[in-house]
C-alpha atoms as a PDB file:
ATOM      1  CA  UNK A   1     113.337 -18.296 202.448  1.00  0.00           C
ATOM      2  CA  UNK A   2     111.482 -15.415 203.992  1.00  0.00           C
ATOM      3  CA  UNK A   3     107.722 -15.495 204.481  1.00  0.00           C
ATOM      4  CA  UNK A   4     105.344 -12.560 204.582  1.00  0.00           C
ATOM      5  CA  UNK A   5     102.794 -12.049 207.327  1.00  0.00           C
ATOM      6  CA  UNK A   6     102.834 -12.971 211.008  1.00  0.00           C
ATOM      7  CA  UNK A   7     103.855 -16.356 212.313  1.00  0.00           C
ATOM      8  CA  UNK A   8     101.090 -18.340 213.995  1.00  0.00           C
ATOM      9  CA  UNK A   9     101.165 -19.113 217.713  1.00  0.00           C
ATOM     10  CA  UNK A  10     101.977 -22.733 216.902  1.00  0.00           C
ATOM     11  CA  UNK A  11     104.955 -21.702 214.749  1.00  0.00           C
ATOM     12  CA  UNK A  12     106.344 -19.273 217.299  1.00  0.00           C
ATOM     13  CA  UNK A  13     105.727 -21.480 220.295  1.00  0.00           C
ATOM     14  CA  UNK A  14     103.549 -18.857 221.959  1.00  0.00           C
ATOM     15  CA  UNK A  15     101.053 -20.199 224.466  1.00  0.00           C
ATOM     16  CA  UNK A  16      97.568 -18.712 224.507  1.00  0.00           C
ATOM     17  CA  UNK A  17      95.667 -18.506 227.782  1.00  0.00           C
ATOM     18  CA  UNK A  18      92.115 -19.809 227.901  1.00  0.00           C
ATOM     19  CA  UNK A  19      89.634 -19.853 230.792  1.00  0.00           C
ATOM     20  CA  UNK A  20      89.098 -23.160 232.572  1.00  0.00           C
ATOM     21  CA  UNK A  21      86.335 -24.915 230.601  1.00  0.00           C
ATOM     22  CA  UNK A  22      84.998 -26.505 233.800  1.00  0.00           C
ATOM     23  CA  UNK A  23      85.628 -24.166 236.757  1.00  0.00           C
ATOM     24  CA  UNK A  24      83.263 -26.153 238.987  1.00  0.00           C
ATOM     25  CA  UNK A  25      86.076 -28.637 239.526  1.00  0.00           C
ATOM     26  CA  UNK A  26      87.709 -26.103 241.852  1.00  0.00           C
ATOM     27  CA  UNK A  27      84.624 -25.215 243.903  1.00  0.00           C
ATOM     28  CA  UNK A  28      84.746 -26.451 247.512  1.00  0.00           C
ATOM     29  CA  UNK A  29      82.454 -25.799 250.486  1.00  0.00           C
ATOM     30  CA  UNK A  30      83.584 -26.762 253.983  1.00  0.00           C
ATOM     31  CA  UNK A  31      81.440 -26.872 257.125  1.00  0.00           C
ATOM     32  CA  UNK A  32      82.303 -27.937 260.679  1.00  0.00           C
ATOM     33  CA  UNK A  33      81.980 -31.625 259.698  1.00  0.00           C
ATOM     34  CA  UNK A  34      81.515 -31.843 255.946  1.00  0.00           C
ATOM     35  CA  UNK A  35      83.147 -31.112 252.603  1.00  0.00           C
ATOM     36  CA  UNK A  36      81.021 -30.495 249.506  1.00  0.00           C
ATOM     37  CA  UNK A  37      82.346 -30.571 245.938  1.00  0.00           C
ATOM     38  CA  UNK A  38      80.496 -30.695 242.595  1.00  0.00           C
ATOM     39  CA  UNK A  39      80.154 -34.254 241.352  1.00  0.00           C
ATOM     40  CA  UNK A  40      82.900 -36.036 239.439  1.00  0.00           C
ATOM     41  CA  UNK A  41      82.961 -39.581 238.128  1.00  0.00           C
ATOM     42  CA  UNK A  42      85.094 -41.044 240.911  1.00  0.00           C
ATOM     43  CA  UNK A  43      82.853 -39.511 243.551  1.00  0.00           C
ATOM     44  CA  UNK A  44      79.715 -40.653 241.736  1.00  0.00           C
ATOM     45  CA  UNK A  45      80.910 -44.255 241.976  1.00  0.00           C
ATOM     46  CA  UNK A  46      80.989 -43.798 245.755  1.00  0.00           C
ATOM     47  CA  UNK A  47      77.560 -42.138 245.699  1.00  0.00           C
ATOM     48  CA  UNK A  48      76.050 -45.074 243.833  1.00  0.00           C
ATOM     49  CA  UNK A  49      77.444 -47.436 246.466  1.00  0.00           C
ATOM     50  CA  UNK A  50      75.760 -45.331 249.172  1.00  0.00           C
ATOM     51  CA  UNK A  51      72.448 -45.502 247.285  1.00  0.00           C
ATOM     52  CA  UNK A  52      72.661 -49.280 247.042  1.00  0.00           C
ATOM     53  CA  UNK A  53      73.142 -49.510 250.811  1.00  0.00           C
ATOM     54  CA  UNK A  54      69.851 -47.667 251.327  1.00  0.00           C
ATOM     55  CA  UNK A  55      68.421 -44.146 251.320  1.00  0.00           C
ATOM     56  CA  UNK A  56      65.076 -44.694 253.076  1.00  0.00           C
ATOM     57  CA  UNK A  57      62.961 -47.540 254.492  1.00  0.00           C
ATOM     58  CA  UNK A  58      61.346 -49.475 251.624  1.00  0.00           C
ATOM     59  CA  UNK A  59      57.821 -48.641 252.792  1.00  0.00           C
ATOM     60  CA  UNK A  60      58.541 -44.906 252.513  1.00  0.00           C
ATOM     61  CA  UNK A  61      59.209 -42.726 249.450  1.00  0.00           C
ATOM     62  CA  UNK A  62      60.499 -39.205 250.156  1.00  0.00           C
ATOM     63  CA  UNK A  63      61.085 -38.342 246.468  1.00  0.00           C
ATOM     64  CA  UNK A  64      58.560 -37.053 243.925  1.00  0.00           C
ATOM     65  CA  UNK A  65      60.481 -39.065 241.328  1.00  0.00           C
ATOM     66  CA  UNK A  66      60.755 -42.528 242.859  1.00  0.00           C
ATOM     67  CA  UNK A  67      64.272 -43.188 241.551  1.00  0.00           C
ATOM     68  CA  UNK A  68      65.172 -45.563 244.372  1.00  0.00           C
ATOM     69  CA  UNK A  69      62.449 -47.951 243.147  1.00  0.00           C
ATOM     70  CA  UNK A  70      64.449 -48.657 239.996  1.00  0.00           C
ATOM     71  CA  UNK A  71      65.435 -52.227 239.230  1.00  0.00           C
ATOM     72  CA  UNK A  72      68.652 -52.794 241.231  1.00  0.00           C
ATOM     73  CA  UNK A  73      70.330 -53.996 238.032  1.00  0.00           C
ATOM     74  CA  UNK A  74      69.902 -50.517 236.531  1.00  0.00           C
ATOM     75  CA  UNK A  75      69.683 -48.144 239.508  1.00  0.00           C
ATOM     76  CA  UNK A  76      73.396 -47.369 239.492  1.00  0.00           C
ATOM     77  CA  UNK A  77      73.556 -46.739 235.772  1.00  0.00           C
ATOM     78  CA  UNK A  78      70.446 -44.562 235.933  1.00  0.00           C
ATOM     79  CA  UNK A  79      71.928 -42.497 238.746  1.00  0.00           C
ATOM     80  CA  UNK A  80      75.120 -41.933 236.785  1.00  0.00           C
ATOM     81  CA  UNK A  81      73.239 -40.950 233.629  1.00  0.00           C
ATOM     82  CA  UNK A  82      71.065 -38.536 235.616  1.00  0.00           C
ATOM     83  CA  UNK A  83      74.121 -36.769 237.023  1.00  0.00           C
ATOM     84  CA  UNK A  84      75.907 -36.730 233.661  1.00  0.00           C
ATOM     85  CA  UNK A  85      72.853 -35.205 231.972  1.00  0.00           C
ATOM     86  CA  UNK A  86      72.586 -32.451 234.578  1.00  0.00           C
ATOM     87  CA  UNK A  87      76.307 -31.733 234.377  1.00  0.00           C
ATOM     88  CA  UNK A  88      76.193 -31.550 230.578  1.00  0.00           C
ATOM     89  CA  UNK A  89      73.515 -28.846 230.551  1.00  0.00           C
ATOM     90  CA  UNK A  90      75.017 -26.433 233.117  1.00  0.00           C
ATOM     91  CA  UNK A  91      75.083 -22.876 231.755  1.00  0.00           C
ATOM     92  CA  UNK A  92      74.199 -19.327 232.813  1.00  0.00           C
ATOM     93  CA  UNK A  93      70.551 -19.670 231.758  1.00  0.00           C
ATOM     94  CA  UNK A  94      69.896 -22.898 233.668  1.00  0.00           C
ATOM     95  CA  UNK A  95      72.030 -24.980 235.979  1.00  0.00           C
ATOM     96  CA  UNK A  96      71.932 -27.735 238.552  1.00  0.00           C
ATOM     97  CA  UNK A  97      75.078 -28.352 240.577  1.00  0.00           C
ATOM     98  CA  UNK A  98      75.014 -31.658 242.462  1.00  0.00           C
ATOM     99  CA  UNK A  99      77.480 -31.486 245.322  1.00  0.00           C
ATOM    100  CA  UNK A 100      78.918 -34.713 246.657  1.00  0.00           C
ATOM    101  CA  UNK A 101      78.835 -34.543 250.449  1.00  0.00           C
ATOM    102  CA  UNK A 102      81.789 -36.091 252.265  1.00  0.00           C
ATOM    103  CA  UNK A 103      82.205 -36.916 255.934  1.00  0.00           C
ATOM    104  CA  UNK A 104      85.720 -37.918 257.006  1.00  0.00           C
ATOM    105  CA  UNK A 105      86.646 -38.153 253.312  1.00  0.00           C
ATOM    106  CA  UNK A 106      83.821 -40.550 252.368  1.00  0.00           C
ATOM    107  CA  UNK A 107      80.824 -39.703 250.174  1.00  0.00           C
ATOM    108  CA  UNK A 108      77.624 -39.941 252.225  1.00  0.00           C
ATOM    109  CA  UNK A 109      75.041 -38.200 250.027  1.00  0.00           C
ATOM    110  CA  UNK A 110      74.217 -35.440 247.570  1.00  0.00           C
ATOM    111  CA  UNK A 111      73.140 -31.821 247.955  1.00  0.00           C
ATOM    112  CA  UNK A 112      71.757 -30.037 244.892  1.00  0.00           C
ATOM    113  CA  UNK A 113      71.611 -26.332 244.153  1.00  0.00           C
ATOM    114  CA  UNK A 114      69.609 -25.289 241.109  1.00  0.00           C
ATOM    115  CA  UNK A 115      68.599 -22.084 239.315  1.00  0.00           C
ATOM    116  CA  UNK A 116      66.929 -20.889 236.121  1.00  0.00           C
ATOM    117  CA  UNK A 117      67.727 -17.410 234.793  1.00  0.00           C
ATOM    118  CA  UNK A 118      69.612 -16.702 238.003  1.00  0.00           C
ATOM    119  CA  UNK A 119      71.008 -13.409 236.683  1.00  0.00           C
ATOM    120  CA  UNK A 120      67.423 -12.093 236.629  1.00  0.00           C
ATOM    121  CA  UNK A 121      65.549 -14.024 239.330  1.00  0.00           C
ATOM    122  CA  UNK A 122      68.310 -14.286 241.969  1.00  0.00           C
ATOM    123  CA  UNK A 123      66.460 -17.397 243.130  1.00  0.00           C
ATOM    124  CA  UNK A 124      67.743 -20.921 243.800  1.00  0.00           C
ATOM    125  CA  UNK A 125      66.197 -24.214 244.872  1.00  0.00           C
ATOM    126  CA  UNK A 126      67.666 -27.106 246.813  1.00  0.00           C
ATOM    127  CA  UNK A 127      67.227 -30.851 247.116  1.00  0.00           C
ATOM    128  CA  UNK A 128      69.238 -33.526 248.851  1.00  0.00           C
ATOM    129  CA  UNK A 129      69.560 -37.054 250.139  1.00  0.00           C
ATOM    130  CA  UNK A 130      71.749 -38.871 252.625  1.00  0.00           C
ATOM    131  CA  UNK A 131      72.576 -42.528 253.015  1.00  0.00           C
ATOM    132  CA  UNK A 132      70.269 -44.112 255.582  1.00  0.00           C
ATOM    133  CA  UNK A 133      73.055 -44.789 258.071  1.00  0.00           C
ATOM    134  CA  UNK A 134      73.992 -41.073 258.158  1.00  0.00           C
ATOM    135  CA  UNK A 135      70.541 -39.682 258.875  1.00  0.00           C
ATOM    136  CA  UNK A 136      69.383 -38.267 262.195  1.00  0.00           C
ATOM    137  CA  UNK A 137      72.719 -36.608 263.026  1.00  0.00           C
ATOM    138  CA  UNK A 138      72.047 -33.042 261.851  1.00  0.00           C
ATOM    139  CA  UNK A 139      74.082 -33.535 258.684  1.00  0.00           C
ATOM    140  CA  UNK A 140      71.128 -32.658 256.443  1.00  0.00           C
ATOM    141  CA  UNK A 141      70.878 -29.238 258.075  1.00  0.00           C
ATOM    142  CA  UNK A 142      74.626 -28.726 257.794  1.00  0.00           C
ATOM    143  CA  UNK A 143      74.860 -29.555 254.105  1.00  0.00           C
ATOM    144  CA  UNK A 144      71.853 -27.424 253.168  1.00  0.00           C
ATOM    145  CA  UNK A 145      73.284 -24.536 255.194  1.00  0.00           C
ATOM    146  CA  UNK A 146      76.489 -24.883 253.161  1.00  0.00           C
ATOM    147  CA  UNK A 147      74.814 -24.384 249.773  1.00  0.00           C
ATOM    148  CA  UNK A 148      72.542 -21.652 251.117  1.00  0.00           C
ATOM    149  CA  UNK A 149      75.662 -19.874 252.362  1.00  0.00           C
ATOM    150  CA  UNK A 150      77.162 -20.209 248.884  1.00  0.00           C
ATOM    151  CA  UNK A 151      73.988 -18.866 247.271  1.00  0.00           C
ATOM    152  CA  UNK A 152      73.306 -15.941 249.611  1.00  0.00           C
ATOM    153  CA  UNK A 153      76.838 -14.940 250.616  1.00  0.00           C
ATOM    154  CA  UNK A 154      78.759 -15.516 247.383  1.00  0.00           C
ATOM    155  CA  UNK A 155      76.379 -15.657 244.402  1.00  0.00           C
ATOM    156  CA  UNK A 156      73.988 -12.879 245.369  1.00  0.00           C
ATOM    157  CA  UNK A 157      70.809 -14.924 245.760  1.00  0.00           C
ATOM    158  CA  UNK A 158      67.789 -13.221 247.313  1.00  0.00           C
ATOM    159  CA  UNK A 159      65.513 -16.234 247.739  1.00  0.00           C
ATOM    160  CA  UNK A 160      65.703 -20.031 248.065  1.00  0.00           C
ATOM    161  CA  UNK A 161      62.998 -22.630 247.595  1.00  0.00           C
ATOM    162  CA  UNK A 162      62.493 -26.221 248.677  1.00  0.00           C
ATOM    163  CA  UNK A 163      59.741 -28.834 248.723  1.00  0.00           C
ATOM    164  CA  UNK A 164      58.880 -31.783 250.967  1.00  0.00           C
ATOM    165  CA  UNK A 165      55.989 -34.165 251.377  1.00  0.00           C
ATOM    166  CA  UNK A 166      53.724 -33.382 254.305  1.00  0.00           C
ATOM    167  CA  UNK A 167      54.592 -36.793 255.787  1.00  0.00           C
ATOM    168  CA  UNK A 168      58.356 -36.140 255.673  1.00  0.00           C
ATOM    169  CA  UNK A 169      58.891 -34.470 259.056  1.00  0.00           C
ATOM    170  CA  UNK A 170      62.696 -34.683 258.917  1.00  0.00           C
ATOM    171  CA  UNK A 171      62.962 -32.592 255.749  1.00  0.00           C
ATOM    172  CA  UNK A 172      60.336 -30.121 256.943  1.00  0.00           C
ATOM    173  CA  UNK A 173      62.178 -29.744 260.252  1.00  0.00           C
ATOM    174  CA  UNK A 174      65.404 -28.800 258.442  1.00  0.00           C
ATOM    175  CA  UNK A 175      63.548 -26.144 256.452  1.00  0.00           C
ATOM    176  CA  UNK A 176      61.843 -24.649 259.483  1.00  0.00           C
ATOM    177  CA  UNK A 177      65.074 -24.652 261.455  1.00  0.00           C
ATOM    178  CA  UNK A 178      66.693 -22.527 258.762  1.00  0.00           C
ATOM    179  CA  UNK A 179      63.855 -20.019 258.510  1.00  0.00           C
ATOM    180  CA  UNK A 180      61.777 -21.243 255.552  1.00  0.00           C
ATOM    181  CA  UNK A 181      58.076 -20.466 255.529  1.00  0.00           C
ATOM    182  CA  UNK A 182      55.308 -22.396 253.799  1.00  0.00           C
ATOM    183  CA  UNK A 183      54.341 -21.161 250.350  1.00  0.00           C
ATOM    184  CA  UNK A 184      51.420 -23.349 249.334  1.00  0.00           C
ATOM    185  CA  UNK A 185      51.217 -26.988 248.326  1.00  0.00           C
ATOM    186  CA  UNK A 186      50.360 -29.249 245.422  1.00  0.00           C
ATOM    187  CA  UNK A 187      49.512 -32.880 244.770  1.00  0.00           C
ATOM    188  CA  UNK A 188      51.706 -35.317 242.874  1.00  0.00           C
ATOM    189  CA  UNK A 189      51.353 -38.988 242.008  1.00  0.00           C
ATOM    190  CA  UNK A 190      53.995 -41.233 243.587  1.00  0.00           C
ATOM    191  CA  UNK A 191      53.836 -45.025 243.445  1.00  0.00           C
ATOM    192  CA  UNK A 192      50.314 -44.668 242.063  1.00  0.00           C
ATOM    193  CA  UNK A 193      49.100 -42.690 245.071  1.00  0.00           C
ATOM    194  CA  UNK A 194      48.296 -39.006 245.580  1.00  0.00           C
ATOM    195  CA  UNK A 195      50.872 -37.268 247.797  1.00  0.00           C
ATOM    196  CA  UNK A 196      50.699 -33.719 249.114  1.00  0.00           C
ATOM    197  CA  UNK A 197      53.900 -31.723 248.741  1.00  0.00           C
ATOM    198  CA  UNK A 198      54.556 -28.550 250.723  1.00  0.00           C
ATOM    199  CA  UNK A 199      56.343 -25.692 248.972  1.00  0.00           C
ATOM    200  CA  UNK A 200      58.736 -23.662 251.119  1.00  0.00           C
ATOM    201  CA  UNK A 201      60.497 -20.350 250.547  1.00  0.00           C
ATOM    202  CA  UNK A 202      63.397 -18.668 252.326  1.00  0.00           C
ATOM    203  CA  UNK A 203      64.304 -14.999 251.934  1.00  0.00           C
ATOM    204  CA  UNK A 204      67.783 -13.669 252.565  1.00  0.00           C
ATOM    205  CA  UNK A 205      66.725 -11.774 255.714  1.00  0.00           C
ATOM    206  CA  UNK A 206      65.043 -14.832 257.238  1.00  0.00           C
ATOM    207  CA  UNK A 207      68.139 -16.947 256.603  1.00  0.00           C
ATOM    208  CA  UNK A 208      70.342 -14.339 258.251  1.00  0.00           C
ATOM    209  CA  UNK A 209      68.081 -14.407 261.292  1.00  0.00           C
ATOM    210  CA  UNK A 210      68.070 -18.195 261.629  1.00  0.00           C
ATOM    211  CA  UNK A 211      71.358 -19.442 260.207  1.00  0.00           C
ATOM    212  CA  UNK A 212      73.724 -21.362 262.505  1.00  0.00           C
ATOM    213  CA  UNK A 213      76.642 -19.603 264.159  1.00  0.00           C
ATOM    214  CA  UNK A 214      79.081 -20.563 261.419  1.00  0.00           C
ATOM    215  CA  UNK A 215      79.532 -19.849 257.724  1.00  0.00           C
ATOM    216  CA  UNK A 216      80.868 -22.303 255.153  1.00  0.00           C
ATOM    217  CA  UNK A 217      84.443 -21.827 254.009  1.00  0.00           C
ATOM    218  CA  UNK A 218      84.097 -21.391 250.244  1.00  0.00           C
ATOM    219  CA  UNK A 219      86.927 -21.570 247.708  1.00  0.00           C
ATOM    220  CA  UNK A 220      86.970 -21.510 243.922  1.00  0.00           C
ATOM    221  CA  UNK A 221      83.721 -19.572 243.562  1.00  0.00           C
ATOM    222  CA  UNK A 222      85.083 -16.579 241.635  1.00  0.00           C
ATOM    223  CA  UNK A 223      85.910 -18.707 238.596  1.00  0.00           C
ATOM    224  CA  UNK A 224      82.346 -20.089 238.581  1.00  0.00           C
ATOM    225  CA  UNK A 225      80.399 -16.831 238.610  1.00  0.00           C
ATOM    226  CA  UNK A 226      79.996 -16.422 234.854  1.00  0.00           C
ATOM    227  CA  UNK A 227      79.018 -20.073 234.385  1.00  0.00           C
ATOM    228  CA  UNK A 228      76.289 -19.713 237.022  1.00  0.00           C
ATOM    229  CA  UNK A 229      74.956 -16.380 235.796  1.00  0.00           C
ATOM    230  CA  UNK A 230      76.300 -14.576 238.839  1.00  0.00           C
ATOM    231  CA  UNK A 231      79.090 -12.667 237.143  1.00  0.00           C
END
């Protein structure tokens, strides 16, 4: 029996081509010592293990949101849910990409890159942490340089922002080394105490003048441009 009309793709066996629904899976940044990839569940399990081994001395708190003070029974679950929530809301209007940082194939920390209305503002912000045993080796500078290279060289950013408490000299030193300048301050409550947080800003020209003598090797970025509002 003959049928009128056009056969459907399923009936004819034709295969339609769709864009990758999650292009971030292919994004990779490589530096002289590190590899950075957007978080995935297997890598997050490693990240949680790093957090349990320690991120800072217990008498210090480098984060405005004191997430490391969570009950150890729930810290890991809370960290996973935080990353899942951020991943679930990534879109051109607002995004936070949490890169898992690997040294010699092992996850050692996280480097975030975030933007709101990037297509208009061309502005990003960063935040990061490293396992305690990996600090003091220049890795924090290297991983932040990697995402700044992605933002300025590949996504078309014009400005980057960061924040650090005035009593966090290590984080402030990374910012100054890369050319950030102070842009005011504000007070936040952490552990029931008032803490002063310094705002920092980095323009493209200042980064070019102060960046290290290498650039990150970036792959998979073209497929991510539309998702990140950089298309």
